[in-house]
């Protein structure tokens, strides 16, 4: 029996697929939204854009925008006791809605 791979998208079939009604490109408002430093965002991976997607472990995490890097945003995310710095493009970000 050959050894199984544990690649970048390992065990993420359900997480990184779209439902039939969601197929295709998302709306423009998600791409055109301008985030400012200090804004809280939710990382919501859009499976249409594979190359720019963050790792699946960050799906659904809340982070804080701390700057820009080209077209992308630099987001700080707490994972356990550590703070990770992610460079995420706008198609994978959603503004946090407070209750």
N, C-alpha and C. Protein backbone atom coordinates (compact mmCIF):
# COMPACT_ATOMS: atom_id res chain seq x y z
N UNK A 1 0.85 -1.18 0.00
CA UNK A 1 0.00 0.00 0.00
C UNK A 1 0.89 1.25 0.00
N UNK A 2 0.69 2.16 -0.99
CA UNK A 2 1.53 3.37 -1.04
C UNK A 2 1.21 4.32 0.10
N UNK A 3 2.19 5.12 0.46
CA UNK A 3 2.03 6.10 1.53
C UNK A 3 1.15 7.25 1.04
N UNK A 4 0.20 7.69 1.89
CA UNK A 4 -0.70 8.77 1.51
C UNK A 4 -0.02 10.12 1.67
N UNK A 5 -0.45 11.05 0.84
CA UNK A 5 0.13 12.40 0.93
C UNK A 5 -0.61 13.20 2.00
N UNK A 6 0.05 14.19 2.50
CA UNK A 6 -0.55 15.12 3.45
C UNK A 6 -0.28 16.53 2.95
N UNK A 7 -0.82 16.85 1.77
CA UNK A 7 -0.55 18.11 1.10
C UNK A 7 -1.28 19.29 1.73
N UNK A 8 -1.19 20.41 1.05
CA UNK A 8 -1.70 21.68 1.55
C UNK A 8 -3.21 21.67 1.74
N UNK A 9 -3.93 20.93 0.88
CA UNK A 9 -5.39 20.89 0.96
C UNK A 9 -5.90 19.54 1.48
N UNK A 10 -5.07 18.84 2.22
CA UNK A 10 -5.39 17.52 2.76
C UNK A 10 -6.59 17.59 3.71
N UNK A 11 -7.53 16.66 3.52
CA UNK A 11 -8.75 16.56 4.34
C UNK A 11 -9.62 17.82 4.27
N UNK A 12 -9.73 18.44 3.12
CA UNK A 12 -10.49 19.69 3.04
C UNK A 12 -11.50 19.67 1.89
N UNK A 13 -11.92 18.49 1.44
CA UNK A 13 -12.83 18.43 0.30
C UNK A 13 -14.14 19.17 0.59
N UNK A 14 -14.76 18.90 1.72
CA UNK A 14 -16.05 19.53 2.04
C UNK A 14 -15.87 21.02 2.33
N UNK A 15 -14.78 21.35 3.01
CA UNK A 15 -14.52 22.74 3.39
C UNK A 15 -14.26 23.62 2.17
N UNK A 16 -13.53 23.10 1.20
CA UNK A 16 -13.11 23.92 0.06
C UNK A 16 -13.84 23.56 -1.22
N UNK A 17 -15.14 23.28 -1.13
CA UNK A 17 -15.97 23.12 -2.32
C UNK A 17 -17.19 24.00 -2.16
N UNK A 18 -17.73 24.44 -3.28
CA UNK A 18 -18.90 25.29 -3.24
C UNK A 18 -20.15 24.44 -3.44
N UNK A 19 -21.24 24.88 -2.85
CA UNK A 19 -22.53 24.25 -3.07
C UNK A 19 -22.99 24.62 -4.49
N UNK A 20 -23.88 23.82 -5.10
CA UNK A 20 -24.29 24.11 -6.49
C UNK A 20 -24.81 25.53 -6.72
N UNK A 21 -25.53 26.10 -5.77
CA UNK A 21 -26.06 27.47 -5.97
C UNK A 21 -25.00 28.55 -5.80
N UNK A 22 -23.86 28.21 -5.23
CA UNK A 22 -22.80 29.20 -5.00
C UNK A 22 -21.76 29.20 -6.11
N UNK A 23 -21.86 28.28 -7.06
CA UNK A 23 -20.81 28.11 -8.07
C UNK A 23 -20.58 29.39 -8.86
N UNK A 24 -19.36 29.55 -9.37
CA UNK A 24 -19.01 30.73 -10.15
C UNK A 24 -18.36 31.78 -9.27
N UNK A 25 -18.13 32.94 -9.86
CA UNK A 25 -17.49 34.02 -9.13
C UNK A 25 -18.46 34.67 -8.16
N UNK A 26 -17.94 35.14 -7.04
CA UNK A 26 -18.77 35.82 -6.04
C UNK A 26 -19.09 37.24 -6.48
N UNK A 27 -19.79 37.96 -5.62
CA UNK A 27 -20.19 39.32 -5.95
C UNK A 27 -19.02 40.29 -5.90
N UNK A 28 -19.18 41.42 -6.56
CA UNK A 28 -18.13 42.44 -6.60
C UNK A 28 -17.97 43.16 -5.27
N UNK A 29 -19.04 43.24 -4.48
CA UNK A 29 -18.97 44.00 -3.24
C UNK A 29 -17.93 43.41 -2.29
N UNK A 30 -17.73 42.10 -2.36
CA UNK A 30 -16.75 41.46 -1.49
C UNK A 30 -15.32 41.87 -1.87
N UNK A 31 -15.10 42.06 -3.16
CA UNK A 31 -13.76 42.46 -3.62
C UNK A 31 -13.50 43.95 -3.46
N UNK A 32 -14.55 44.75 -3.55
CA UNK A 32 -14.38 46.20 -3.53
C UNK A 32 -14.38 46.78 -2.12
N UNK A 33 -14.69 45.99 -1.10
CA UNK A 33 -14.76 46.49 0.26
C UNK A 33 -13.36 46.90 0.72
N UNK A 34 -13.23 48.11 1.23
CA UNK A 34 -11.94 48.61 1.70
C UNK A 34 -11.83 48.42 3.21
N UNK A 35 -10.83 47.70 3.63
CA UNK A 35 -10.59 47.50 5.06
C UNK A 35 -9.56 48.52 5.54
N UNK A 36 -9.79 49.03 6.75
CA UNK A 36 -8.85 49.97 7.35
C UNK A 36 -8.07 49.24 8.45
N UNK A 37 -6.96 49.82 8.85
CA UNK A 37 -6.18 49.22 9.94
C UNK A 37 -7.04 49.18 11.21
N UNK A 38 -7.01 48.07 11.90
CA UNK A 38 -7.79 47.90 13.11
C UNK A 38 -9.13 47.22 12.89
N UNK A 39 -9.57 47.10 11.62
CA UNK A 39 -10.84 46.42 11.34
C UNK A 39 -10.72 44.93 11.66
N UNK A 40 -11.79 44.37 12.23
CA UNK A 40 -11.82 42.93 12.48
C UNK A 40 -12.45 42.25 11.27
N UNK A 41 -11.84 41.14 10.86
CA UNK A 41 -12.30 40.41 9.68
C UNK A 41 -12.38 38.92 10.00
N UNK A 42 -13.23 38.23 9.24
CA UNK A 42 -13.34 36.77 9.34
C UNK A 42 -12.70 36.20 8.08
N UNK A 43 -11.85 35.20 8.24
CA UNK A 43 -11.25 34.55 7.09
C UNK A 43 -12.22 33.49 6.60
N UNK A 44 -12.74 33.70 5.39
CA UNK A 44 -13.70 32.80 4.77
C UNK A 44 -13.14 32.43 3.41
N UNK A 45 -12.54 31.25 3.30
CA UNK A 45 -11.83 30.85 2.09
C UNK A 45 -12.81 30.68 0.94
N UNK A 46 -12.52 31.34 -0.18
CA UNK A 46 -13.30 31.19 -1.40
C UNK A 46 -12.58 30.17 -2.28
N UNK A 47 -13.16 28.98 -2.50
CA UNK A 47 -12.46 27.93 -3.24
C UNK A 47 -12.21 28.25 -4.71
N UNK A 48 -12.82 29.32 -5.23
CA UNK A 48 -12.58 29.71 -6.61
C UNK A 48 -11.14 30.15 -6.81
N UNK A 49 -10.56 30.78 -5.79
CA UNK A 49 -9.20 31.31 -5.88
C UNK A 49 -8.28 30.44 -5.04
N UNK A 50 -7.69 29.43 -5.66
CA UNK A 50 -6.89 28.45 -4.93
C UNK A 50 -5.51 29.00 -4.61
N UNK A 51 -4.90 29.69 -5.54
CA UNK A 51 -3.52 30.15 -5.37
C UNK A 51 -3.34 31.10 -4.20
N UNK A 52 -4.31 31.97 -3.99
CA UNK A 52 -4.17 32.99 -2.96
C UNK A 52 -4.84 32.60 -1.64
N UNK A 53 -5.35 31.38 -1.54
CA UNK A 53 -6.10 30.98 -0.35
C UNK A 53 -5.16 30.70 0.82
N UNK A 54 -5.52 31.16 2.02
CA UNK A 54 -4.73 30.80 3.20
C UNK A 54 -4.96 29.33 3.54
N UNK A 55 -4.18 28.80 4.45
CA UNK A 55 -4.31 27.40 4.85
C UNK A 55 -5.68 27.17 5.49
N UNK A 56 -6.20 25.96 5.34
CA UNK A 56 -7.54 25.66 5.84
C UNK A 56 -7.66 25.78 7.35
N UNK A 57 -6.54 25.73 8.08
CA UNK A 57 -6.62 25.85 9.54
C UNK A 57 -7.12 27.23 9.96
N UNK A 58 -7.04 28.22 9.06
CA UNK A 58 -7.48 29.58 9.39
C UNK A 58 -8.92 29.86 8.97
N UNK A 59 -9.61 28.88 8.38
CA UNK A 59 -11.00 29.05 7.96
C UNK A 59 -11.88 29.41 9.16
N UNK A 60 -12.60 30.53 9.07
CA UNK A 60 -13.51 30.93 10.13
C UNK A 60 -12.86 31.69 11.27
N UNK A 61 -11.54 31.88 11.22
CA UNK A 61 -10.86 32.61 12.30
C UNK A 61 -11.10 34.11 12.16
N UNK A 62 -11.09 34.79 13.29
CA UNK A 62 -11.24 36.24 13.31
C UNK A 62 -9.87 36.86 13.49
N UNK A 63 -9.55 37.86 12.69
CA UNK A 63 -8.27 38.54 12.79
C UNK A 63 -8.43 40.04 12.71
N UNK A 64 -7.31 40.74 12.86
CA UNK A 64 -7.30 42.20 12.81
C UNK A 64 -6.40 42.64 11.66
N UNK A 65 -6.91 43.54 10.82
CA UNK A 65 -6.12 44.07 9.71
C UNK A 65 -5.08 45.03 10.26
N UNK A 66 -3.80 44.81 9.90
CA UNK A 66 -2.75 45.70 10.38
C UNK A 66 -2.04 46.44 9.25
N UNK A 67 -2.40 46.15 8.00
CA UNK A 67 -1.77 46.87 6.90
C UNK A 67 -2.09 46.25 5.56
N UNK A 68 -1.43 46.81 4.52
CA UNK A 68 -1.61 46.32 3.15
C UNK A 68 -0.28 45.77 2.66
N UNK A 69 -0.37 44.85 1.71
CA UNK A 69 0.82 44.35 1.02
C UNK A 69 0.40 44.10 -0.41
N UNK A 70 0.63 45.10 -1.26
CA UNK A 70 0.15 45.02 -2.64
C UNK A 70 -1.36 45.11 -2.64
N UNK A 71 -2.03 44.15 -3.29
CA UNK A 71 -3.49 44.11 -3.30
C UNK A 71 -4.05 43.39 -2.08
N UNK A 72 -3.20 42.74 -1.31
CA UNK A 72 -3.64 41.93 -0.18
C UNK A 72 -3.58 42.73 1.13
N UNK A 73 -4.13 42.13 2.17
CA UNK A 73 -4.11 42.71 3.50
C UNK A 73 -3.29 41.83 4.43
N UNK A 74 -2.61 42.47 5.38
CA UNK A 74 -1.87 41.74 6.41
C UNK A 74 -2.81 41.63 7.61
N UNK A 75 -3.08 40.39 8.02
CA UNK A 75 -4.04 40.13 9.08
C UNK A 75 -3.35 39.36 10.20
N UNK A 76 -3.55 39.81 11.45
CA UNK A 76 -3.03 39.09 12.61
C UNK A 76 -4.12 38.19 13.16
N UNK A 77 -3.79 36.89 13.32
CA UNK A 77 -4.75 35.90 13.80
C UNK A 77 -4.15 35.19 15.00
N UNK A 78 -4.94 35.03 16.05
CA UNK A 78 -4.48 34.29 17.23
C UNK A 78 -4.78 32.81 17.02
N UNK A 79 -3.74 31.97 17.15
CA UNK A 79 -3.90 30.52 17.06
C UNK A 79 -3.29 29.96 18.33
N UNK A 80 -4.15 29.56 19.26
CA UNK A 80 -3.65 29.13 20.56
C UNK A 80 -3.06 30.31 21.30
N UNK A 81 -1.79 30.16 21.71
CA UNK A 81 -1.14 31.25 22.44
C UNK A 81 -0.27 32.11 21.52
N UNK A 82 -0.25 31.78 20.23
CA UNK A 82 0.60 32.51 19.28
C UNK A 82 -0.22 33.43 18.41
N UNK A 83 0.44 34.46 17.88
CA UNK A 83 -0.17 35.37 16.93
C UNK A 83 0.50 35.16 15.58
N UNK A 84 -0.32 34.82 14.58
CA UNK A 84 0.20 34.57 13.24
C UNK A 84 -0.10 35.77 12.35
N UNK A 85 0.83 36.06 11.44
CA UNK A 85 0.65 37.15 10.48
C UNK A 85 0.37 36.53 9.12
N UNK A 86 -0.82 36.78 8.57
CA UNK A 86 -1.22 36.22 7.29
C UNK A 86 -1.35 37.32 6.26
N UNK A 87 -0.98 37.01 5.04
CA UNK A 87 -1.20 37.92 3.92
C UNK A 87 -2.36 37.33 3.12
N UNK A 88 -3.51 38.01 3.17
CA UNK A 88 -4.74 37.46 2.61
C UNK A 88 -5.34 38.44 1.61
N UNK A 89 -5.74 37.93 0.45
CA UNK A 89 -6.39 38.76 -0.56
C UNK A 89 -7.86 38.98 -0.19
N UNK A 90 -8.48 40.05 -0.69
CA UNK A 90 -9.84 40.41 -0.26
C UNK A 90 -10.91 39.35 -0.55
N UNK A 91 -10.69 38.48 -1.54
CA UNK A 91 -11.72 37.47 -1.82
C UNK A 91 -11.87 36.44 -0.71
N UNK A 92 -10.93 36.40 0.23
CA UNK A 92 -11.00 35.46 1.34
C UNK A 92 -11.33 36.15 2.67
N UNK A 93 -11.75 37.41 2.61
CA UNK A 93 -12.06 38.17 3.83
C UNK A 93 -13.51 38.63 3.84
N UNK A 94 -14.09 38.64 5.04
CA UNK A 94 -15.46 39.15 5.24
C UNK A 94 -15.40 40.03 6.48
N UNK A 95 -16.02 41.21 6.45
CA UNK A 95 -16.02 42.05 7.66
C UNK A 95 -16.76 41.35 8.80
N UNK A 96 -16.27 41.51 10.01
CA UNK A 96 -16.91 40.91 11.18
C UNK A 96 -18.16 41.70 11.53
N UNK A 97 -19.26 41.01 11.65
CA UNK A 97 -20.52 41.65 12.04
C UNK A 97 -20.72 41.40 13.52
N UNK A 98 -20.74 42.45 14.31
CA UNK A 98 -20.93 42.28 15.75
C UNK A 98 -22.43 42.23 16.06
N UNK A 99 -22.77 41.45 17.06
CA UNK A 99 -24.19 41.23 17.38
C UNK A 99 -24.82 42.40 18.08
